[in-house]
Amino acid sequence: GSMAAVKWVQGDSLPGVKFTIRDSNSAAAGQELDPKDPSTWAVVPLVGANVFATASYSGSTKIIGQIPCVVASSPKGEVILNFKDTAVVAEEGDYEVEVTVEYAGGGSQTIYNFIEVSVRARHV
C-alpha cells in the first residue's frame, strides 16, 4: 500500500508534501495498534535526524533524483518533501519516492511504503 498519492501538473513545485513518519510496530498513546491503520501508529521523533528522499519511476529501482526534505516538526515526526527544481516535476509520469531517516545517534531506517507521485502534462 502507498503512504499517499500526490497528483501534480508538470512544472508545479508547490506546495511541498507534508507527511508524518510513524512506526508500524508501536502503538500511539491511547491507541490499540492496528497494522493496517497508520493513525494508530506511534509517531517517530526526528530530533537531530536527517531525512532524505529519492525518486524513481514507478516499478523501477533506478533512482532518477534526490528530493530535498525538511523536518517540519521533530517531536511530531513531520517532514516536508520539497519537489521544487527536482526531476520529478519536470516531466509527466508516475514516480515512487522512497524516504530514509538518518538518526542523530547513528543508524538509518528506510520507510517501507513509497509515496506515489503522479505528474500529468501541462496543457499549453
N, C-alpha and C. Protein backbone atom coordinates (compact mmCIF):
# COMPACT_ATOMS: atom_id res chain seq x y z
N GLY A 1 0.82 -1.19 0.00
CA GLY A 1 0.00 0.00 0.00
C GLY A 1 0.86 1.24 0.00
N SER A 2 0.31 2.33 -0.47
CA SER A 2 1.10 3.55 -0.56
C SER A 2 0.77 4.47 0.59
N MET A 3 1.72 5.32 0.93
CA MET A 3 1.54 6.27 2.01
C MET A 3 0.57 7.36 1.57
N ALA A 4 0.78 7.87 0.36
CA ALA A 4 -0.06 8.93 -0.16
C ALA A 4 0.12 8.97 -1.66
N ALA A 5 -0.92 9.36 -2.35
CA ALA A 5 -0.79 9.57 -3.79
C ALA A 5 -0.85 11.08 -4.02
N VAL A 6 0.21 11.61 -4.59
CA VAL A 6 0.31 13.03 -4.82
C VAL A 6 0.12 13.26 -6.31
N LYS A 7 -0.78 14.18 -6.64
CA LYS A 7 -1.04 14.46 -8.05
C LYS A 7 -0.59 15.88 -8.38
N TRP A 8 0.18 15.99 -9.46
CA TRP A 8 0.72 17.27 -9.87
C TRP A 8 0.57 17.50 -11.34
N VAL A 9 0.71 18.78 -11.72
CA VAL A 9 0.82 19.13 -13.12
C VAL A 9 2.28 19.45 -13.38
N GLN A 10 2.76 19.05 -14.55
CA GLN A 10 4.15 19.23 -14.94
C GLN A 10 4.63 20.65 -14.64
N GLY A 11 5.77 20.77 -13.98
CA GLY A 11 6.35 22.06 -13.67
C GLY A 11 5.91 22.63 -12.34
N ASP A 12 4.85 22.08 -11.74
CA ASP A 12 4.42 22.56 -10.44
C ASP A 12 5.43 22.16 -9.38
N SER A 13 5.58 22.97 -8.37
CA SER A 13 6.52 22.59 -7.31
C SER A 13 5.95 22.92 -5.94
N LEU A 14 4.80 23.53 -5.88
CA LEU A 14 4.20 23.87 -4.60
C LEU A 14 2.85 23.21 -4.51
N PRO A 15 2.32 22.91 -3.36
CA PRO A 15 3.07 23.02 -2.11
C PRO A 15 4.00 21.82 -1.95
N GLY A 16 4.88 21.89 -1.01
CA GLY A 16 5.66 20.71 -0.65
C GLY A 16 4.70 19.67 -0.07
N VAL A 17 5.13 18.44 -0.04
CA VAL A 17 4.29 17.39 0.51
C VAL A 17 4.68 17.15 1.95
N LYS A 18 3.71 17.36 2.85
CA LYS A 18 3.98 17.18 4.28
C LYS A 18 3.44 15.82 4.70
N PHE A 19 4.24 15.08 5.44
CA PHE A 19 3.75 13.81 5.94
C PHE A 19 4.39 13.51 7.29
N THR A 20 3.82 12.55 7.98
CA THR A 20 4.28 12.17 9.31
C THR A 20 4.89 10.79 9.26
N ILE A 21 6.08 10.65 9.82
CA ILE A 21 6.73 9.35 9.87
C ILE A 21 6.28 8.63 11.13
N ARG A 22 5.74 7.44 10.94
CA ARG A 22 5.20 6.66 12.06
C ARG A 22 5.82 5.27 12.08
N ASP A 23 5.74 4.63 13.25
CA ASP A 23 6.30 3.31 13.45
C ASP A 23 5.17 2.28 13.50
N SER A 24 5.12 1.40 12.50
CA SER A 24 4.02 0.43 12.41
C SER A 24 4.11 -0.65 13.48
N ASN A 25 5.21 -0.66 14.25
CA ASN A 25 5.36 -1.68 15.30
C ASN A 25 5.02 -1.16 16.69
N SER A 26 4.70 0.14 16.79
CA SER A 26 4.41 0.73 18.10
C SER A 26 3.10 1.50 18.05
N ALA A 27 2.30 1.30 19.09
CA ALA A 27 1.01 1.98 19.14
C ALA A 27 1.18 3.42 19.62
N ALA A 28 0.39 4.31 19.05
CA ALA A 28 0.35 5.70 19.53
C ALA A 28 -0.30 5.70 20.91
N ALA A 29 -0.03 6.74 21.69
CA ALA A 29 -0.58 6.85 23.05
C ALA A 29 -2.10 6.72 23.01
N GLY A 30 -2.61 5.83 23.84
CA GLY A 30 -4.05 5.66 23.95
C GLY A 30 -4.69 4.92 22.78
N GLN A 31 -3.88 4.37 21.89
CA GLN A 31 -4.41 3.65 20.73
C GLN A 31 -4.08 2.16 20.84
N GLU A 32 -4.94 1.35 20.27
CA GLU A 32 -4.63 -0.06 20.11
C GLU A 32 -4.00 -0.22 18.73
N LEU A 33 -2.84 -0.86 18.67
CA LEU A 33 -2.09 -0.96 17.41
C LEU A 33 -2.86 -1.76 16.38
N ASP A 34 -3.11 -1.15 15.22
CA ASP A 34 -3.71 -1.83 14.08
C ASP A 34 -2.73 -1.71 12.92
N PRO A 35 -2.08 -2.83 12.54
CA PRO A 35 -1.05 -2.78 11.49
C PRO A 35 -1.57 -2.18 10.18
N LYS A 36 -2.89 -2.20 9.98
CA LYS A 36 -3.45 -1.68 8.73
C LYS A 36 -3.89 -0.22 8.84
N ASP A 37 -3.82 0.35 10.04
CA ASP A 37 -4.31 1.72 10.23
C ASP A 37 -3.21 2.62 10.78
N PRO A 38 -2.56 3.40 9.88
CA PRO A 38 -1.43 4.24 10.31
C PRO A 38 -1.78 5.25 11.40
N SER A 39 -3.06 5.59 11.52
CA SER A 39 -3.42 6.58 12.55
C SER A 39 -3.25 6.01 13.97
N THR A 40 -3.10 4.68 14.08
CA THR A 40 -2.89 4.07 15.40
C THR A 40 -1.40 3.90 15.72
N TRP A 41 -0.54 4.23 14.76
CA TRP A 41 0.89 4.02 14.94
C TRP A 41 1.54 5.19 15.67
N ALA A 42 2.57 4.89 16.45
CA ALA A 42 3.30 5.92 17.16
C ALA A 42 4.11 6.77 16.19
N VAL A 43 4.18 8.05 16.49
CA VAL A 43 5.00 8.97 15.69
C VAL A 43 6.47 8.71 15.99
N VAL A 44 7.32 8.79 14.97
CA VAL A 44 8.76 8.63 15.15
C VAL A 44 9.37 10.02 15.37
N PRO A 45 9.93 10.28 16.57
CA PRO A 45 10.53 11.59 16.79
C PRO A 45 11.80 11.74 15.96
N LEU A 46 11.96 12.92 15.38
CA LEU A 46 13.06 13.14 14.44
C LEU A 46 14.08 14.15 14.95
N VAL A 47 14.18 14.27 16.27
CA VAL A 47 15.11 15.24 16.85
C VAL A 47 16.53 14.92 16.42
N GLY A 48 17.18 15.86 15.76
CA GLY A 48 18.56 15.67 15.32
C GLY A 48 18.72 14.77 14.11
N ALA A 49 17.62 14.31 13.54
CA ALA A 49 17.70 13.37 12.42
C ALA A 49 17.78 14.13 11.09
N ASN A 50 18.36 13.47 10.10
CA ASN A 50 18.32 13.96 8.73
C ASN A 50 17.39 13.06 7.94
N VAL A 51 16.63 13.66 7.05
CA VAL A 51 15.70 12.89 6.24
C VAL A 51 16.05 13.10 4.77
N PHE A 52 16.12 12.00 4.04
CA PHE A 52 16.46 12.03 2.62
C PHE A 52 15.35 11.36 1.83
N ALA A 53 15.21 11.73 0.58
CA ALA A 53 14.26 11.04 -0.28
C ALA A 53 14.85 10.91 -1.67
N THR A 54 14.55 9.77 -2.30
CA THR A 54 14.96 9.56 -3.68
C THR A 54 13.72 9.18 -4.48
N ALA A 55 13.76 9.50 -5.77
CA ALA A 55 12.63 9.20 -6.64
C ALA A 55 13.07 8.26 -7.75
N SER A 56 12.15 7.39 -8.15
CA SER A 56 12.36 6.55 -9.33
C SER A 56 11.03 6.46 -10.04
N TYR A 57 11.05 6.01 -11.30
CA TYR A 57 9.79 5.78 -12.00
C TYR A 57 9.09 4.60 -11.35
N SER A 58 7.77 4.63 -11.32
CA SER A 58 7.01 3.54 -10.71
C SER A 58 7.43 2.21 -11.33
N GLY A 59 7.69 1.24 -10.47
CA GLY A 59 8.05 -0.09 -10.92
C GLY A 59 9.52 -0.25 -11.26
N SER A 60 10.29 0.84 -11.17
CA SER A 60 11.72 0.77 -11.47
C SER A 60 12.51 1.02 -10.19
N THR A 61 13.70 0.47 -10.10
CA THR A 61 14.54 0.72 -8.92
C THR A 61 15.63 1.74 -9.24
N LYS A 62 15.67 2.22 -10.49
CA LYS A 62 16.71 3.16 -10.89
C LYS A 62 16.36 4.55 -10.36
N ILE A 63 17.24 5.09 -9.54
CA ILE A 63 16.99 6.41 -8.95
C ILE A 63 17.22 7.49 -9.99
N ILE A 64 16.23 8.37 -10.14
CA ILE A 64 16.38 9.46 -11.11
C ILE A 64 16.69 10.79 -10.44
N GLY A 65 16.55 10.85 -9.12
CA GLY A 65 16.88 12.11 -8.47
C GLY A 65 16.63 12.09 -6.99
N GLN A 66 17.28 13.04 -6.31
CA GLN A 66 17.08 13.23 -4.88
C GLN A 66 16.00 14.29 -4.69
N ILE A 67 15.27 14.19 -3.61
CA ILE A 67 14.29 15.21 -3.28
C ILE A 67 14.64 15.76 -1.91
N PRO A 68 14.87 17.08 -1.82
CA PRO A 68 15.22 17.66 -0.53
C PRO A 68 14.09 17.50 0.47
N CYS A 69 14.47 17.22 1.71
CA CYS A 69 13.48 17.07 2.79
C CYS A 69 13.79 18.06 3.90
N VAL A 70 12.74 18.58 4.49
CA VAL A 70 12.88 19.47 5.64
C VAL A 70 12.09 18.86 6.78
N VAL A 71 12.70 18.76 7.96
CA VAL A 71 11.95 18.30 9.13
C VAL A 71 11.14 19.49 9.63
N ALA A 72 9.81 19.39 9.49
CA ALA A 72 8.92 20.50 9.86
C ALA A 72 8.70 20.54 11.37
N SER A 73 8.56 19.36 11.96
CA SER A 73 8.38 19.27 13.41
C SER A 73 9.03 17.98 13.90
N SER A 74 10.16 18.12 14.59
CA SER A 74 10.85 16.93 15.09
C SER A 74 9.99 16.09 16.03
N PRO A 75 9.38 16.71 17.07
CA PRO A 75 8.62 15.89 18.01
C PRO A 75 7.42 15.20 17.37
N LYS A 76 6.83 15.82 16.35
CA LYS A 76 5.64 15.25 15.70
C LYS A 76 5.99 14.35 14.53
N GLY A 77 7.29 14.20 14.22
CA GLY A 77 7.70 13.34 13.12
C GLY A 77 7.28 13.85 11.76
N GLU A 78 7.09 15.17 11.65
CA GLU A 78 6.59 15.74 10.40
C GLU A 78 7.72 16.18 9.48
N VAL A 79 7.60 15.77 8.21
CA VAL A 79 8.61 16.07 7.20
C VAL A 79 7.92 16.70 5.99
N ILE A 80 8.62 17.65 5.37
CA ILE A 80 8.12 18.23 4.13
C ILE A 80 9.09 17.86 3.00
N LEU A 81 8.55 17.28 1.95
CA LEU A 81 9.32 16.99 0.74
C LEU A 81 9.21 18.21 -0.16
N ASN A 82 10.35 18.71 -0.62
CA ASN A 82 10.37 19.90 -1.45
C ASN A 82 10.72 19.50 -2.88
N PHE A 83 9.71 19.48 -3.75
CA PHE A 83 9.91 19.00 -5.11
C PHE A 83 10.39 20.09 -6.07
N LYS A 84 10.54 21.31 -5.57
CA LYS A 84 10.98 22.41 -6.43
C LYS A 84 12.34 22.06 -7.04
N ASP A 85 12.49 22.31 -8.33
CA ASP A 85 13.75 22.07 -9.05
C ASP A 85 14.20 20.61 -9.03
N THR A 86 13.28 19.67 -8.92
CA THR A 86 13.67 18.26 -8.99
C THR A 86 13.21 17.67 -10.32
N ALA A 87 13.83 16.58 -10.70
CA ALA A 87 13.47 15.90 -11.95
C ALA A 87 12.03 15.39 -11.92
N VAL A 88 11.51 15.17 -10.71
CA VAL A 88 10.20 14.54 -10.58
C VAL A 88 9.08 15.39 -11.17
N VAL A 89 9.19 16.71 -11.08
CA VAL A 89 8.11 17.53 -11.61
C VAL A 89 8.42 18.03 -13.02
N ALA A 90 9.59 17.68 -13.55
CA ALA A 90 9.99 18.19 -14.85
C ALA A 90 9.25 17.51 -15.99
N GLU A 91 8.91 16.23 -15.83
CA GLU A 91 8.23 15.53 -16.91
C GLU A 91 7.11 14.67 -16.36
N GLU A 92 6.10 14.46 -17.23
CA GLU A 92 4.95 13.68 -16.78
C GLU A 92 5.34 12.23 -16.56
N GLY A 93 4.63 11.59 -15.67
CA GLY A 93 4.87 10.18 -15.40
C GLY A 93 4.46 9.84 -13.98
N ASP A 94 4.62 8.58 -13.64
CA ASP A 94 4.32 8.10 -12.29
C ASP A 94 5.62 7.75 -11.61
N TYR A 95 5.77 8.24 -10.41
CA TYR A 95 7.02 8.11 -9.67
C TYR A 95 6.76 7.47 -8.31
N GLU A 96 7.80 6.87 -7.76
CA GLU A 96 7.77 6.38 -6.39
C GLU A 96 8.88 7.09 -5.64
N VAL A 97 8.54 7.61 -4.48
CA VAL A 97 9.51 8.32 -3.66
C VAL A 97 9.78 7.49 -2.41
N GLU A 98 11.06 7.24 -2.17
CA GLU A 98 11.47 6.45 -1.01
C GLU A 98 12.14 7.37 0.00
N VAL A 99 11.71 7.30 1.23
CA VAL A 99 12.19 8.21 2.27
C VAL A 99 13.05 7.43 3.26
N THR A 100 14.21 7.99 3.60
CA THR A 100 15.11 7.38 4.57
C THR A 100 15.41 8.38 5.69
N VAL A 101 15.38 7.89 6.92
CA VAL A 101 15.69 8.72 8.08
C VAL A 101 17.04 8.29 8.63
N GLU A 102 17.95 9.25 8.82
CA GLU A 102 19.22 9.00 9.49
C GLU A 102 19.13 9.62 10.87
N TYR A 103 19.23 8.77 11.89
CA TYR A 103 19.04 9.23 13.26
C TYR A 103 20.30 9.86 13.83
N ALA A 104 20.10 10.78 14.77
CA ALA A 104 21.22 11.51 15.37
C ALA A 104 22.21 10.56 16.02
N GLY A 105 21.71 9.52 16.68
CA GLY A 105 22.58 8.58 17.39
C GLY A 105 23.21 7.54 16.49
N GLY A 106 23.00 7.67 15.18
CA GLY A 106 23.51 6.66 14.26
C GLY A 106 22.40 5.73 13.83
N GLY A 107 22.60 5.07 12.74
CA GLY A 107 21.60 4.16 12.22
C GLY A 107 20.63 4.89 11.30
N SER A 108 20.10 4.15 10.35
CA SER A 108 19.13 4.74 9.45
C SER A 108 18.00 3.76 9.22
N GLN A 109 16.87 4.31 8.79
CA GLN A 109 15.69 3.49 8.57
C GLN A 109 15.02 3.99 7.28
N THR A 110 14.77 3.07 6.37
CA THR A 110 14.05 3.42 5.16
C THR A 110 12.57 3.12 5.39
N ILE A 111 11.74 4.09 5.06
CA ILE A 111 10.30 3.92 5.28
C ILE A 111 9.79 2.89 4.28
N TYR A 112 9.01 1.95 4.79
CA TYR A 112 8.61 0.80 3.97
C TYR A 112 7.75 1.20 2.79
N ASN A 113 6.76 2.07 3.03
CA ASN A 113 5.84 2.44 1.96
C ASN A 113 6.39 3.58 1.11
N PHE A 114 6.23 3.45 -0.19
CA PHE A 114 6.58 4.54 -1.10
C PHE A 114 5.53 5.64 -1.00
N ILE A 115 5.95 6.85 -1.34
CA ILE A 115 4.99 7.91 -1.61
C ILE A 115 4.85 7.94 -3.12
N GLU A 116 3.64 7.79 -3.60
CA GLU A 116 3.42 7.75 -5.04
C GLU A 116 3.11 9.16 -5.54
N VAL A 117 3.79 9.53 -6.61
CA VAL A 117 3.60 10.85 -7.20
C VAL A 117 3.23 10.67 -8.67
N SER A 118 2.16 11.32 -9.09
CA SER A 118 1.72 11.24 -10.47
C SER A 118 1.74 12.65 -11.05
N VAL A 119 2.46 12.81 -12.16
CA VAL A 119 2.58 14.12 -12.80
C VAL A 119 1.97 14.03 -14.19
N ARG A 120 1.02 14.89 -14.48
CA ARG A 120 0.42 14.91 -15.82
C ARG A 120 0.97 16.09 -16.60
N ALA A 121 0.90 15.98 -17.92
CA ALA A 121 1.40 17.04 -18.78
C ALA A 121 0.60 18.31 -18.59
N ARG A 122 1.26 19.44 -18.68
CA ARG A 122 0.60 20.73 -18.60
C ARG A 122 -0.01 21.04 -19.97
N HIS A 123 -1.24 21.52 -19.96
CA HIS A 123 -1.86 21.95 -21.22
C HIS A 123 -1.23 23.27 -21.64
N VAL A 124 -0.81 23.36 -22.86
CA VAL A 124 -0.16 24.60 -23.31
C VAL A 124 -1.04 25.30 -24.36
